[in-house]
C-alpha atoms as a PDB file:
ATOM      1  CA  MET A   1      -0.379   0.185   0.262  1.00  0.00           C
ATOM      2  CA  ALA A   2       1.423   3.575  -1.009  1.00  0.00           C
ATOM      3  CA  PHE A   3       1.389   6.427   1.585  1.00  0.00           C
ATOM      4  CA  THR A   4      -1.726   8.857   0.935  1.00  0.00           C
ATOM      5  CA  LEU A   5      -1.852  12.219   1.730  1.00  0.00           C
ATOM      6  CA  PRO A   6      -4.589  12.775   4.149  1.00  0.00           C
ATOM      7  CA  LYS A   7      -7.201  15.067   3.907  1.00  0.00           C
ATOM      8  CA  LEU A   8      -7.089  17.995   6.859  1.00  0.00           C
ATOM      9  CA  PRO A   9      -9.974  17.367  10.017  1.00  0.00           C
ATOM     10  CA  TYR A  10     -10.350  21.252   9.391  1.00  0.00           C
ATOM     11  CA  SER A  11     -10.843  23.964   6.217  1.00  0.00           C
ATOM     12  CA  TYR A  12      -8.073  25.128   5.147  1.00  0.00           C
ATOM     13  CA  ASP A  13      -9.348  28.499   6.586  1.00  0.00           C
ATOM     14  CA  ALA A  14     -10.264  27.174  10.403  1.00  0.00           C
ATOM     15  CA  LEU A  15      -6.863  28.077  12.004  1.00  0.00           C
ATOM     16  CA  GLU A  16      -7.395  31.651  11.003  1.00  0.00           C
ATOM     17  CA  PRO A  17      -6.313  34.638  12.315  1.00  0.00           C
ATOM     18  CA  TYR A  18      -3.288  32.360  14.062  1.00  0.00           C
ATOM     19  CA  ILE A  19      -2.348  30.637  10.427  1.00  0.00           C
ATOM     20  CA  ASP A  20      -3.867  32.033   7.561  1.00  0.00           C
ATOM     21  CA  ALA A  21      -5.555  30.335   4.883  1.00  0.00           C
ATOM     22  CA  ARG A  22      -3.058  30.228   2.176  1.00  0.00           C
ATOM     23  CA  THR A  23      -0.314  28.904   4.020  1.00  0.00           C
ATOM     24  CA  MET A  24      -1.971  25.911   5.043  1.00  0.00           C
ATOM     25  CA  GLU A  25      -3.390  25.271   1.587  1.00  0.00           C
ATOM     26  CA  ILE A  26       0.131  25.829  -0.038  1.00  0.00           C
ATOM     27  CA  HIS A  27       1.597  23.920   2.829  1.00  0.00           C
ATOM     28  CA  HIS A  28      -0.732  20.741   2.357  1.00  0.00           C
ATOM     29  CA  THR A  29      -0.995  20.821  -0.831  1.00  0.00           C
ATOM     30  CA  LYS A  30       2.258  21.203  -2.395  1.00  0.00           C
ATOM     31  CA  HIS A  31       4.799  21.041   0.563  1.00  0.00           C
ATOM     32  CA  HIS A  32       3.154  17.403   2.307  1.00  0.00           C
ATOM     33  CA  ALA A  33       1.948  16.223  -1.527  1.00  0.00           C
ATOM     34  CA  ALA A  34       5.287  16.731  -2.806  1.00  0.00           C
ATOM     35  CA  TYR A  35       7.055  14.508   0.004  1.00  0.00           C
ATOM     36  CA  THR A  36       3.839  11.925  -0.207  1.00  0.00           C
ATOM     37  CA  ALA A  37       4.569  11.290  -3.657  1.00  0.00           C
ATOM     38  CA  LYS A  38       8.779  11.406  -3.698  1.00  0.00           C
ATOM     39  CA  PHE A  39       8.533   9.299  -0.530  1.00  0.00           C
ATOM     40  CA  ASN A  40       6.357   6.356  -2.351  1.00  0.00           C
ATOM     41  CA  ASP A  41       9.257   6.780  -5.079  1.00  0.00           C
ATOM     42  CA  ALA A  42      11.971   7.014  -3.088  1.00  0.00           C
ATOM     43  CA  LEU A  43      10.201   3.315  -1.603  1.00  0.00           C
ATOM     44  CA  SER A  44       9.206   1.916  -4.719  1.00  0.00           C
ATOM     45  CA  GLY A  45      11.445  -1.643  -5.621  1.00  0.00           C
ATOM     46  CA  THR A  46      13.148  -1.543  -2.464  1.00  0.00           C
ATOM     47  CA  GLU A  47      12.961  -3.856   0.471  1.00  0.00           C
ATOM     48  CA  LEU A  48      11.010  -1.019   2.807  1.00  0.00           C
ATOM     49  CA  GLU A  49       8.548  -1.101   0.110  1.00  0.00           C
ATOM     50  CA  GLY A  50       4.877  -2.029   2.043  1.00  0.00           C
ATOM     51  CA  LYS A  51       6.820  -2.052   5.611  1.00  0.00           C
ATOM     52  CA  SER A  52       4.956   1.188   7.996  1.00  0.00           C
ATOM     53  CA  VAL A  53       6.221   4.196   8.337  1.00  0.00           C
ATOM     54  CA  GLU A  54       7.336   3.300  12.158  1.00  0.00           C
ATOM     55  CA  GLU A  55       9.277   0.452  10.407  1.00  0.00           C
ATOM     56  CA  ILE A  56      10.920   2.404   8.110  1.00  0.00           C
ATOM     57  CA  PHE A  57      12.182   4.753  10.498  1.00  0.00           C
ATOM     58  CA  GLY A  58      13.496   2.169  12.564  1.00  0.00           C
ATOM     59  CA  SER A  59      16.366   1.015  10.315  1.00  0.00           C
ATOM     60  CA  ILE A  60      16.413   4.593   8.296  1.00  0.00           C
ATOM     61  CA  SER A  61      20.275   4.987   9.105  1.00  0.00           C
ATOM     62  CA  THR A  62      20.781   2.630   6.238  1.00  0.00           C
ATOM     63  CA  ALA A  63      18.117   4.134   3.597  1.00  0.00           C
ATOM     64  CA  SER A  64      18.925   6.122   1.129  1.00  0.00           C
ATOM     65  CA  PRO A  65      18.503  10.031   1.491  1.00  0.00           C
ATOM     66  CA  ALA A  66      15.429  10.160  -0.513  1.00  0.00           C
ATOM     67  CA  VAL A  67      13.631   7.910   2.123  1.00  0.00           C
ATOM     68  CA  ARG A  68      14.871   9.538   5.319  1.00  0.00           C
ATOM     69  CA  ASN A  69      13.895  13.147   3.653  1.00  0.00           C
ATOM     70  CA  ASN A  70      10.551  12.533   2.286  1.00  0.00           C
ATOM     71  CA  GLY A  71       9.503   9.664   4.516  1.00  0.00           C
ATOM     72  CA  GLY A  72       9.936  12.104   6.888  1.00  0.00           C
ATOM     73  CA  GLY A  73       7.957  14.819   5.468  1.00  0.00           C
ATOM     74  CA  TYR A  74       5.590  12.635   5.111  1.00  0.00           C
ATOM     75  CA  PHE A  75       5.057  11.619   8.692  1.00  0.00           C
ATOM     76  CA  ASN A  76       6.136  14.789  10.377  1.00  0.00           C
ATOM     77  CA  HIS A  77       3.157  16.846   8.479  1.00  0.00           C
ATOM     78  CA  CYS A  78       0.925  14.254   9.008  1.00  0.00           C
ATOM     79  CA  LEU A  79       1.284  14.751  12.949  1.00  0.00           C
ATOM     80  CA  PHE A  80       1.129  18.415  12.493  1.00  0.00           C
ATOM     81  CA  TRP A  81      -2.385  18.395  11.076  1.00  0.00           C
ATOM     82  CA  GLU A  82      -3.416  16.395  13.833  1.00  0.00           C
ATOM     83  CA  VAL A  83      -1.676  18.038  16.732  1.00  0.00           C
ATOM     84  CA  MET A  84      -3.423  21.546  16.004  1.00  0.00           C
ATOM     85  CA  GLY A  85      -7.324  22.656  15.944  1.00  0.00           C
ATOM     86  CA  PRO A  86      -9.741  25.783  15.332  1.00  0.00           C
ATOM     87  CA  ASN A  87     -11.129  24.640  18.944  1.00  0.00           C
ATOM     88  CA  GLY A  88      -7.324  24.878  20.184  1.00  0.00           C
ATOM     89  CA  GLY A  89      -5.648  26.643  22.588  1.00  0.00           C
ATOM     90  CA  GLY A  90      -5.568  26.689  26.261  1.00  0.00           C
ATOM     91  CA  GLU A  91      -3.940  24.037  28.241  1.00  0.00           C
ATOM     92  CA  PRO A  92      -3.931  19.787  28.419  1.00  0.00           C
ATOM     93  CA  THR A  93      -5.576  18.566  31.560  1.00  0.00           C
ATOM     94  CA  GLY A  94      -5.490  15.007  33.046  1.00  0.00           C
ATOM     95  CA  LYS A  95      -2.595  12.750  32.964  1.00  0.00           C
ATOM     96  CA  LEU A  96      -1.039  14.804  30.432  1.00  0.00           C
ATOM     97  CA  LEU A  97      -0.971  17.927  32.481  1.00  0.00           C
ATOM     98  CA  GLU A  98       0.461  15.557  35.573  1.00  0.00           C
ATOM     99  CA  ALA A  99       2.808  14.402  33.120  1.00  0.00           C
ATOM    100  CA  ILE A 100       3.933  18.420  32.014  1.00  0.00           C
ATOM    101  CA  LYS A 101       4.266  19.630  35.661  1.00  0.00           C
ATOM    102  CA  LYS A 102       6.462  16.244  36.542  1.00  0.00           C
ATOM    103  CA  ALA A 103       8.855  16.969  33.774  1.00  0.00           C
ATOM    104  CA  PHE A 104       8.753  21.043  33.708  1.00  0.00           C
ATOM    105  CA  GLY A 105       7.707  21.923  36.688  1.00  0.00           C
ATOM    106  CA  SER A 106       4.605  23.943  34.962  1.00  0.00           C
ATOM    107  CA  PHE A 107       2.954  24.353  31.989  1.00  0.00           C
ATOM    108  CA  GLU A 108       4.335  27.680  31.829  1.00  0.00           C
ATOM    109  CA  SER A 109       7.741  26.273  31.752  1.00  0.00           C
ATOM    110  CA  PHE A 110       6.774  23.629  29.364  1.00  0.00           C
ATOM    111  CA  LYS A 111       5.624  25.966  26.829  1.00  0.00           C
ATOM    112  CA  GLU A 112       8.735  28.285  27.241  1.00  0.00           C
ATOM    113  CA  LYS A 113      11.063  25.133  27.018  1.00  0.00           C
ATOM    114  CA  PHE A 114       9.242  24.044  23.223  1.00  0.00           C
ATOM    115  CA  SER A 115       8.755  27.842  22.083  1.00  0.00           C
ATOM    116  CA  ASN A 116      12.917  28.035  22.779  1.00  0.00           C
ATOM    117  CA  ALA A 117      13.451  24.365  20.758  1.00  0.00           C
ATOM    118  CA  ALA A 118      11.748  25.369  17.967  1.00  0.00           C
ATOM    119  CA  ALA A 119      12.967  29.730  17.733  1.00  0.00           C
ATOM    120  CA  THR A 120      16.617  28.070  18.585  1.00  0.00           C
ATOM    121  CA  ARG A 121      16.412  25.780  16.013  1.00  0.00           C
ATOM    122  CA  PHE A 122      18.671  26.858  13.193  1.00  0.00           C
ATOM    123  CA  GLY A 123      17.892  26.667   9.846  1.00  0.00           C
ATOM    124  CA  SER A 124      14.920  24.475   8.943  1.00  0.00           C
ATOM    125  CA  GLY A 125      13.773  21.677  10.810  1.00  0.00           C
ATOM    126  CA  TRP A 126      11.138  20.464  13.793  1.00  0.00           C
ATOM    127  CA  ALA A 127      10.456  21.287  17.683  1.00  0.00           C
ATOM    128  CA  TRP A 128       8.831  18.037  19.512  1.00  0.00           C
ATOM    129  CA  LEU A 129       7.107  16.810  22.778  1.00  0.00           C
ATOM    130  CA  VAL A 130       8.101  13.303  22.896  1.00  0.00           C
ATOM    131  CA  LYS A 131       7.189  10.495  25.627  1.00  0.00           C
ATOM    132  CA  GLU A 132       9.666   8.288  26.268  1.00  0.00           C
ATOM    133  CA  ASP A 133       9.671   4.854  26.473  1.00  0.00           C
ATOM    134  CA  ASN A 134       9.917   5.276  30.057  1.00  0.00           C
ATOM    135  CA  GLY A 135       6.687   7.586  30.316  1.00  0.00           C
ATOM    136  CA  ASN A 136       8.481  10.521  30.931  1.00  0.00           C
ATOM    137  CA  LEU A 137       7.933  14.026  28.412  1.00  0.00           C
ATOM    138  CA  VAL A 138      10.955  15.705  26.990  1.00  0.00           C
ATOM    139  CA  VAL A 139      11.445  18.423  24.556  1.00  0.00           C
ATOM    140  CA  THR A 140      13.683  18.439  21.518  1.00  0.00           C
ATOM    141  CA  SER A 141      14.210  19.718  18.224  1.00  0.00           C
ATOM    142  CA  THR A 142      15.598  17.940  15.211  1.00  0.00           C
ATOM    143  CA  PRO A 143      17.102  19.347  12.037  1.00  0.00           C
ATOM    144  CA  TYR A 144      15.416  19.369   8.526  1.00  0.00           C
ATOM    145  CA  GLN A 145      12.913  16.412   8.073  1.00  0.00           C
ATOM    146  CA  ASP A 146      14.590  13.971  11.030  1.00  0.00           C
ATOM    147  CA  ASN A 147      12.047  12.889  13.675  1.00  0.00           C
ATOM    148  CA  PRO A 148      12.478  10.891  17.134  1.00  0.00           C
ATOM    149  CA  LEU A 149      10.954   7.524  15.567  1.00  0.00           C
ATOM    150  CA  MET A 150      14.778   7.745  13.540  1.00  0.00           C
ATOM    151  CA  ASP A 151      17.011   5.319  14.808  1.00  0.00           C
ATOM    152  CA  TYR A 152      19.937   8.004  15.145  1.00  0.00           C
ATOM    153  CA  SER A 153      17.720  10.460  16.627  1.00  0.00           C
ATOM    154  CA  ALA A 154      19.496  12.064  19.610  1.00  0.00           C
ATOM    155  CA  VAL A 155      16.469  11.674  21.442  1.00  0.00           C
ATOM    156  CA  LYS A 156      14.154   8.819  21.032  1.00  0.00           C
ATOM    157  CA  GLY A 157      10.380   8.334  21.811  1.00  0.00           C
ATOM    158  CA  THR A 158       6.741   9.021  19.705  1.00  0.00           C
ATOM    159  CA  PRO A 159       6.460  12.302  19.112  1.00  0.00           C
ATOM    160  CA  ILE A 160       2.787  13.400  20.876  1.00  0.00           C
ATOM    161  CA  LEU A 161       3.047  17.033  19.688  1.00  0.00           C
ATOM    162  CA  THR A 162       5.264  19.064  16.872  1.00  0.00           C
ATOM    163  CA  ILE A 163       5.972  22.779  15.282  1.00  0.00           C
ATOM    164  CA  ASP A 164       7.243  22.971  11.772  1.00  0.00           C
ATOM    165  CA  VAL A 165       9.954  25.596  11.646  1.00  0.00           C
ATOM    166  CA  TRP A 166      10.803  25.642   7.958  1.00  0.00           C
ATOM    167  CA  GLU A 167       9.858  29.032   6.661  1.00  0.00           C
ATOM    168  CA  HIS A 168       7.349  27.987   4.119  1.00  0.00           C
ATOM    169  CA  ALA A 169       5.201  26.837   7.628  1.00  0.00           C
ATOM    170  CA  TYR A 170       5.387  30.564   8.450  1.00  0.00           C
ATOM    171  CA  TYR A 171       6.680  33.207   5.728  1.00  0.00           C
ATOM    172  CA  LEU A 172       3.942  34.567   4.487  1.00  0.00           C
ATOM    173  CA  LYS A 173       2.348  35.555   7.375  1.00  0.00           C
ATOM    174  CA  TYR A 174       5.067  35.872  10.009  1.00  0.00           C
ATOM    175  CA  GLN A 175       7.781  36.626   7.019  1.00  0.00           C
ATOM    176  CA  ASN A 176      11.306  36.181   9.193  1.00  0.00           C
ATOM    177  CA  LEU A 177       9.554  36.593  12.685  1.00  0.00           C
ATOM    178  CA  ARG A 178       9.901  32.345  13.740  1.00  0.00           C
ATOM    179  CA  PRO A 179       8.751  33.791  17.457  1.00  0.00           C
ATOM    180  CA  ASP A 180       5.743  35.506  16.439  1.00  0.00           C
ATOM    181  CA  TYR A 181       4.764  32.020  14.597  1.00  0.00           C
ATOM    182  CA  ILE A 182       5.509  29.848  17.473  1.00  0.00           C
ATOM    183  CA  SER A 183       3.303  32.086  19.546  1.00  0.00           C
ATOM    184  CA  ALA A 184       0.398  31.904  17.161  1.00  0.00           C
ATOM    185  CA  PHE A 185       0.693  27.875  17.105  1.00  0.00           C
ATOM    186  CA  LEU A 186      -0.022  27.324  20.560  1.00  0.00           C
ATOM    187  CA  ASN A 187      -3.162  29.042  20.493  1.00  0.00           C
ATOM    188  CA  VAL A 188      -4.219  26.178  17.829  1.00  0.00           C
ATOM    189  CA  VAL A 189      -2.824  23.039  19.690  1.00  0.00           C
ATOM    190  CA  ASN A 190      -5.161  19.948  19.989  1.00  0.00           C
ATOM    191  CA  TRP A 191      -4.196  19.092  23.678  1.00  0.00           C
ATOM    192  CA  GLU A 192      -7.308  16.340  23.319  1.00  0.00           C
ATOM    193  CA  GLU A 193      -5.424  15.002  20.670  1.00  0.00           C
ATOM    194  CA  VAL A 194      -1.914  15.289  22.070  1.00  0.00           C
ATOM    195  CA  SER A 195      -3.691  13.804  25.377  1.00  0.00           C
ATOM    196  CA  ARG A 196      -4.827  11.052  23.355  1.00  0.00           C
ATOM    197  CA  ARG A 197      -1.210  10.219  21.779  1.00  0.00           C
ATOM    198  CA  PHE A 198       0.467  10.344  25.355  1.00  0.00           C
ATOM    199  CA  LYS A 199      -2.028   7.602  26.689  1.00  0.00           C
ATOM    200  CA  GLY A 200      -1.975   5.775  23.303  1.00  0.00           C
END
């Protein structure tokens, strides 16, 4: 089965005014679509064809750069769309909030650490909230289209929240003001979905 471009769970303008409709449309229909198509092309005819994305990432260090870059681009964006929503923002609750307080001291401290990881990622990349195998939460960032599921990642675990800090994610609205985009992103985080991933 080839990987397919997912439909967004909301309209392109649903995250206004924080993330503009034009950026969302281009990001989804051009950037994510291209990663999806190139990922399938890179897998075609290889021993990785037919494997799950988690299986592929588990041995990604032995795969081609095309599989690594486009596979990461495919997966990272799939997660990115799902952890945002028009009714987002606010704070998480329940077990997730408890885990955040245990790991970072407070929700405010988490936001500062996550925002800093996103703001200081040099060039293009992603910032992540990751659930490690022991259940603890950590914040990290990765370059380009890398992610914490990849076998060579410095911080490994299950990503439950991410922000795309490639310029194509924010430049139409925020130009070079990445911190403003990061601040806006926190207003659209779908904490219900993040919590579901944390429990899963």
